[in-house]
Amino acid sequence: MTLPPLSSIIAVSPIPMAITDQNMNYLAVSDLWISYFNLENKPLLGYSHYTIFPDLEERWKQIFNLFLQGQKLEIEEEKQKKADGTSKAKHNLTRHLSIP
């Protein structure tokens, strides 16, 4: 039995999900991630998270650096401003996956 590529599985994830490399360049994103952040018709794969979200708070950059170092972080009910100026509360779980 042949399994679909991981990116195909992530694309249809029932939760907003994105996978980046160590430089925060997108490797895969779910359809819900795209719609949650109003990123339709915007190229994502291969682009840096910081390019897509140039106004990202410094606090989030620090959090991402911690998870890239291997820490598991859980932030509950954060409000994050979206590109259109609205904000949504969400539960955010960030994990680092190391692939040898």
N, C-alpha and C. Protein backbone atom coordinates (compact mmCIF):
# COMPACT_ATOMS: atom_id res chain seq x y z
N MET A 1 0.84 -1.18 0.00
CA MET A 1 0.00 0.00 0.00
C MET A 1 0.89 1.25 0.00
N THR A 2 0.62 2.16 -0.88
CA THR A 2 1.37 3.40 -0.98
C THR A 2 0.61 4.51 -0.27
N LEU A 3 1.30 5.21 0.61
CA LEU A 3 0.69 6.32 1.32
C LEU A 3 0.87 7.61 0.54
N PRO A 4 -0.09 8.54 0.67
CA PRO A 4 0.08 9.83 0.00
C PRO A 4 1.22 10.61 0.66
N PRO A 5 1.79 11.56 -0.06
CA PRO A 5 2.85 12.39 0.53
C PRO A 5 2.31 13.15 1.75
N LEU A 6 3.20 13.41 2.69
CA LEU A 6 2.81 14.12 3.91
C LEU A 6 2.12 15.44 3.61
N SER A 7 2.59 16.15 2.62
CA SER A 7 1.98 17.45 2.29
C SER A 7 0.52 17.29 1.87
N SER A 8 0.16 16.16 1.25
CA SER A 8 -1.23 15.92 0.87
C SER A 8 -2.10 15.68 2.10
N ILE A 9 -1.53 15.01 3.08
CA ILE A 9 -2.27 14.75 4.32
C ILE A 9 -2.47 16.06 5.09
N ILE A 10 -1.43 16.86 5.17
CA ILE A 10 -1.51 18.14 5.88
C ILE A 10 -2.51 19.07 5.20
N ALA A 11 -2.53 19.08 3.89
CA ALA A 11 -3.42 19.98 3.14
C ALA A 11 -4.88 19.82 3.56
N VAL A 12 -5.30 18.61 3.88
CA VAL A 12 -6.70 18.37 4.23
C VAL A 12 -6.90 18.19 5.74
N SER A 13 -5.94 18.61 6.52
CA SER A 13 -6.04 18.50 7.98
C SER A 13 -7.28 19.24 8.48
N PRO A 14 -7.95 18.69 9.50
CA PRO A 14 -9.14 19.35 10.04
C PRO A 14 -8.82 20.52 10.97
N ILE A 15 -7.54 20.85 11.11
CA ILE A 15 -7.12 22.01 11.91
C ILE A 15 -6.17 22.86 11.08
N PRO A 16 -6.09 24.16 11.35
CA PRO A 16 -5.10 24.98 10.66
C PRO A 16 -3.70 24.50 11.04
N MET A 17 -2.89 24.16 10.06
CA MET A 17 -1.57 23.59 10.34
C MET A 17 -0.58 24.03 9.28
N ALA A 18 0.65 24.30 9.74
CA ALA A 18 1.73 24.62 8.81
C ALA A 18 3.00 23.95 9.30
N ILE A 19 3.83 23.53 8.37
CA ILE A 19 5.12 22.95 8.69
C ILE A 19 6.18 23.79 7.99
N THR A 20 7.20 24.15 8.78
CA THR A 20 8.30 24.95 8.24
C THR A 20 9.62 24.21 8.45
N ASP A 21 10.64 24.68 7.76
CA ASP A 21 11.98 24.16 8.01
C ASP A 21 12.62 24.97 9.13
N GLN A 22 13.89 24.75 9.39
CA GLN A 22 14.61 25.44 10.46
C GLN A 22 14.71 26.95 10.25
N ASN A 23 14.52 27.40 9.02
CA ASN A 23 14.56 28.83 8.71
C ASN A 23 13.17 29.45 8.64
N MET A 24 12.16 28.68 9.06
CA MET A 24 10.76 29.11 9.05
C MET A 24 10.21 29.30 7.64
N ASN A 25 10.78 28.59 6.66
CA ASN A 25 10.22 28.57 5.31
C ASN A 25 9.16 27.47 5.26
N TYR A 26 8.02 27.79 4.70
CA TYR A 26 6.92 26.84 4.64
C TYR A 26 7.25 25.63 3.76
N LEU A 27 7.01 24.45 4.30
CA LEU A 27 7.15 23.20 3.55
C LEU A 27 5.79 22.62 3.19
N ALA A 28 4.80 22.84 4.05
CA ALA A 28 3.44 22.36 3.82
C ALA A 28 2.48 23.21 4.65
N VAL A 29 1.29 23.42 4.13
CA VAL A 29 0.25 24.16 4.85
C VAL A 29 -1.09 23.50 4.58
N SER A 30 -1.98 23.58 5.57
CA SER A 30 -3.31 23.03 5.37
C SER A 30 -4.21 24.08 4.72
N ASP A 31 -5.27 23.59 4.09
CA ASP A 31 -6.24 24.51 3.48
C ASP A 31 -6.83 25.42 4.55
N LEU A 32 -7.04 24.87 5.76
CA LEU A 32 -7.59 25.68 6.84
C LEU A 32 -6.61 26.76 7.31
N TRP A 33 -5.31 26.48 7.26
CA TRP A 33 -4.30 27.49 7.60
C TRP A 33 -4.43 28.67 6.63
N ILE A 34 -4.54 28.33 5.36
CA ILE A 34 -4.65 29.36 4.33
C ILE A 34 -5.89 30.22 4.55
N SER A 35 -7.04 29.60 4.78
CA SER A 35 -8.26 30.37 4.95
C SER A 35 -8.29 31.09 6.30
N TYR A 36 -7.75 30.48 7.35
CA TYR A 36 -7.74 31.11 8.67
C TYR A 36 -7.01 32.45 8.64
N PHE A 37 -5.90 32.51 7.91
CA PHE A 37 -5.10 33.73 7.85
C PHE A 37 -5.35 34.54 6.57
N ASN A 38 -6.41 34.20 5.84
CA ASN A 38 -6.76 34.93 4.60
C ASN A 38 -5.58 35.01 3.64
N LEU A 39 -4.97 33.86 3.37
CA LEU A 39 -3.79 33.80 2.51
C LEU A 39 -4.08 33.17 1.15
N GLU A 40 -5.36 33.16 0.77
CA GLU A 40 -5.72 32.63 -0.53
C GLU A 40 -4.98 33.41 -1.62
N ASN A 41 -4.59 32.71 -2.66
CA ASN A 41 -3.89 33.31 -3.82
C ASN A 41 -2.55 33.95 -3.46
N LYS A 42 -1.95 33.50 -2.37
CA LYS A 42 -0.63 34.01 -1.98
C LYS A 42 0.33 32.83 -1.95
N PRO A 43 1.48 32.94 -2.63
CA PRO A 43 2.42 31.82 -2.60
C PRO A 43 2.99 31.64 -1.20
N LEU A 44 2.99 30.41 -0.70
CA LEU A 44 3.49 30.15 0.64
C LEU A 44 4.68 29.20 0.65
N LEU A 45 4.57 28.09 -0.08
CA LEU A 45 5.61 27.07 -0.02
C LEU A 45 6.95 27.63 -0.45
N GLY A 46 7.95 27.44 0.41
CA GLY A 46 9.29 27.95 0.16
C GLY A 46 9.51 29.36 0.68
N TYR A 47 8.44 30.06 1.04
CA TYR A 47 8.56 31.42 1.56
C TYR A 47 8.66 31.40 3.08
N SER A 48 9.36 32.37 3.63
CA SER A 48 9.52 32.49 5.07
C SER A 48 8.23 32.96 5.74
N HIS A 49 7.97 32.41 6.91
CA HIS A 49 6.84 32.84 7.72
C HIS A 49 6.95 34.34 7.99
N TYR A 50 8.18 34.82 8.15
CA TYR A 50 8.39 36.23 8.46
C TYR A 50 8.16 37.13 7.24
N THR A 51 8.27 36.59 6.04
CA THR A 51 7.94 37.34 4.83
C THR A 51 6.42 37.42 4.68
N ILE A 52 5.75 36.32 4.97
CA ILE A 52 4.29 36.28 4.86
C ILE A 52 3.64 37.16 5.93
N PHE A 53 4.24 37.18 7.12
CA PHE A 53 3.73 37.98 8.24
C PHE A 53 4.80 38.99 8.68
N PRO A 54 5.04 40.04 7.88
CA PRO A 54 6.13 40.98 8.19
C PRO A 54 5.92 41.76 9.49
N ASP A 55 4.69 41.87 9.96
CA ASP A 55 4.41 42.63 11.18
C ASP A 55 4.28 41.74 12.41
N LEU A 56 4.81 40.53 12.32
CA LEU A 56 4.73 39.59 13.43
C LEU A 56 5.41 40.18 14.66
N GLU A 57 4.74 40.08 15.79
CA GLU A 57 5.30 40.61 17.04
C GLU A 57 6.61 39.90 17.38
N GLU A 58 7.53 40.63 17.95
CA GLU A 58 8.83 40.07 18.34
C GLU A 58 8.65 38.89 19.29
N ARG A 59 7.64 38.95 20.13
CA ARG A 59 7.33 37.88 21.07
C ARG A 59 7.14 36.55 20.35
N TRP A 60 6.44 36.59 19.21
CA TRP A 60 6.21 35.35 18.45
C TRP A 60 7.51 34.84 17.84
N LYS A 61 8.37 35.73 17.40
CA LYS A 61 9.66 35.31 16.85
C LYS A 61 10.48 34.60 17.93
N GLN A 62 10.41 35.10 19.16
CA GLN A 62 11.11 34.46 20.26
C GLN A 62 10.51 33.09 20.56
N ILE A 63 9.19 32.99 20.52
CA ILE A 63 8.53 31.71 20.74
C ILE A 63 8.95 30.71 19.67
N PHE A 64 8.95 31.13 18.41
CA PHE A 64 9.35 30.22 17.33
C PHE A 64 10.80 29.79 17.48
N ASN A 65 11.67 30.69 17.90
CA ASN A 65 13.06 30.32 18.12
C ASN A 65 13.18 29.25 19.21
N LEU A 66 12.38 29.37 20.26
CA LEU A 66 12.40 28.37 21.33
C LEU A 66 11.95 27.01 20.81
N PHE A 67 10.88 26.99 20.02
CA PHE A 67 10.43 25.69 19.54
C PHE A 67 11.40 25.10 18.53
N LEU A 68 12.08 25.93 17.76
CA LEU A 68 13.10 25.42 16.84
C LEU A 68 14.29 24.81 17.58
N GLN A 69 14.45 25.21 18.84
CA GLN A 69 15.49 24.63 19.68
C GLN A 69 15.02 23.34 20.36
N GLY A 70 13.75 22.95 20.10
CA GLY A 70 13.26 21.68 20.62
C GLY A 70 12.28 21.78 21.77
N GLN A 71 11.92 22.97 22.19
CA GLN A 71 10.98 23.10 23.29
C GLN A 71 9.55 22.94 22.81
N LYS A 72 8.72 22.30 23.63
CA LYS A 72 7.29 22.18 23.36
C LYS A 72 6.61 23.34 24.05
N LEU A 73 5.85 24.12 23.31
CA LEU A 73 5.20 25.29 23.85
C LEU A 73 3.70 25.21 23.61
N GLU A 74 2.94 25.63 24.61
CA GLU A 74 1.49 25.66 24.47
C GLU A 74 1.01 27.01 24.97
N ILE A 75 0.32 27.73 24.11
CA ILE A 75 -0.19 29.05 24.43
C ILE A 75 -1.70 28.99 24.25
N GLU A 76 -2.43 29.23 25.32
CA GLU A 76 -3.88 29.11 25.24
C GLU A 76 -4.55 30.46 24.97
N GLU A 77 -5.54 30.41 24.13
CA GLU A 77 -6.41 31.54 23.83
C GLU A 77 -5.68 32.84 23.56
N GLU A 78 -4.70 32.78 22.71
CA GLU A 78 -4.01 33.99 22.26
C GLU A 78 -4.87 34.68 21.22
N LYS A 79 -4.88 35.98 21.22
CA LYS A 79 -5.53 36.72 20.14
C LYS A 79 -4.44 37.13 19.18
N GLN A 80 -4.63 36.78 17.92
CA GLN A 80 -3.64 37.12 16.91
C GLN A 80 -4.31 37.94 15.82
N LYS A 81 -3.69 39.06 15.50
CA LYS A 81 -4.23 39.94 14.47
C LYS A 81 -3.96 39.33 13.10
N LYS A 82 -4.99 39.31 12.27
CA LYS A 82 -4.87 38.79 10.92
C LYS A 82 -4.58 39.92 9.94
N ALA A 83 -4.25 39.55 8.72
CA ALA A 83 -3.88 40.53 7.69
C ALA A 83 -4.98 41.56 7.44
N ASP A 84 -6.24 41.16 7.59
CA ASP A 84 -7.35 42.09 7.31
C ASP A 84 -7.67 42.99 8.50
N GLY A 85 -6.88 42.90 9.59
CA GLY A 85 -7.08 43.77 10.75
C GLY A 85 -7.93 43.16 11.84
N THR A 86 -8.64 42.07 11.55
CA THR A 86 -9.44 41.41 12.57
C THR A 86 -8.52 40.53 13.42
N SER A 87 -9.02 40.07 14.54
CA SER A 87 -8.24 39.16 15.36
C SER A 87 -9.13 38.01 15.81
N LYS A 88 -8.48 36.88 16.05
CA LYS A 88 -9.18 35.69 16.51
C LYS A 88 -8.45 35.11 17.70
N ALA A 89 -9.22 34.61 18.67
CA ALA A 89 -8.62 33.91 19.79
C ALA A 89 -8.41 32.46 19.36
N LYS A 90 -7.32 31.88 19.80
CA LYS A 90 -7.04 30.51 19.41
C LYS A 90 -6.18 29.82 20.44
N HIS A 91 -6.19 28.52 20.35
CA HIS A 91 -5.32 27.68 21.16
C HIS A 91 -4.16 27.30 20.26
N ASN A 92 -2.96 27.55 20.70
CA ASN A 92 -1.80 27.37 19.84
C ASN A 92 -0.86 26.35 20.45
N LEU A 93 -0.60 25.28 19.75
CA LEU A 93 0.34 24.27 20.19
C LEU A 93 1.44 24.19 19.15
N THR A 94 2.65 24.43 19.59
CA THR A 94 3.79 24.44 18.69
C THR A 94 4.79 23.37 19.11
N ARG A 95 5.18 22.53 18.18
CA ARG A 95 6.14 21.50 18.48
C ARG A 95 7.22 21.47 17.41
N HIS A 96 8.39 21.09 17.84
CA HIS A 96 9.51 20.94 16.93
C HIS A 96 9.63 19.46 16.58
N LEU A 97 9.73 19.18 15.31
CA LEU A 97 9.93 17.81 14.85
C LEU A 97 11.29 17.76 14.18
N SER A 98 12.15 16.95 14.73
CA SER A 98 13.49 16.81 14.18
C SER A 98 13.53 15.58 13.29
N ILE A 99 13.88 15.78 12.04
CA ILE A 99 13.98 14.67 11.09
C ILE A 99 15.45 14.47 10.79
N PRO A 100 15.98 13.25 11.11
CA PRO A 100 17.41 13.02 10.89
C PRO A 100 17.81 13.09 9.43
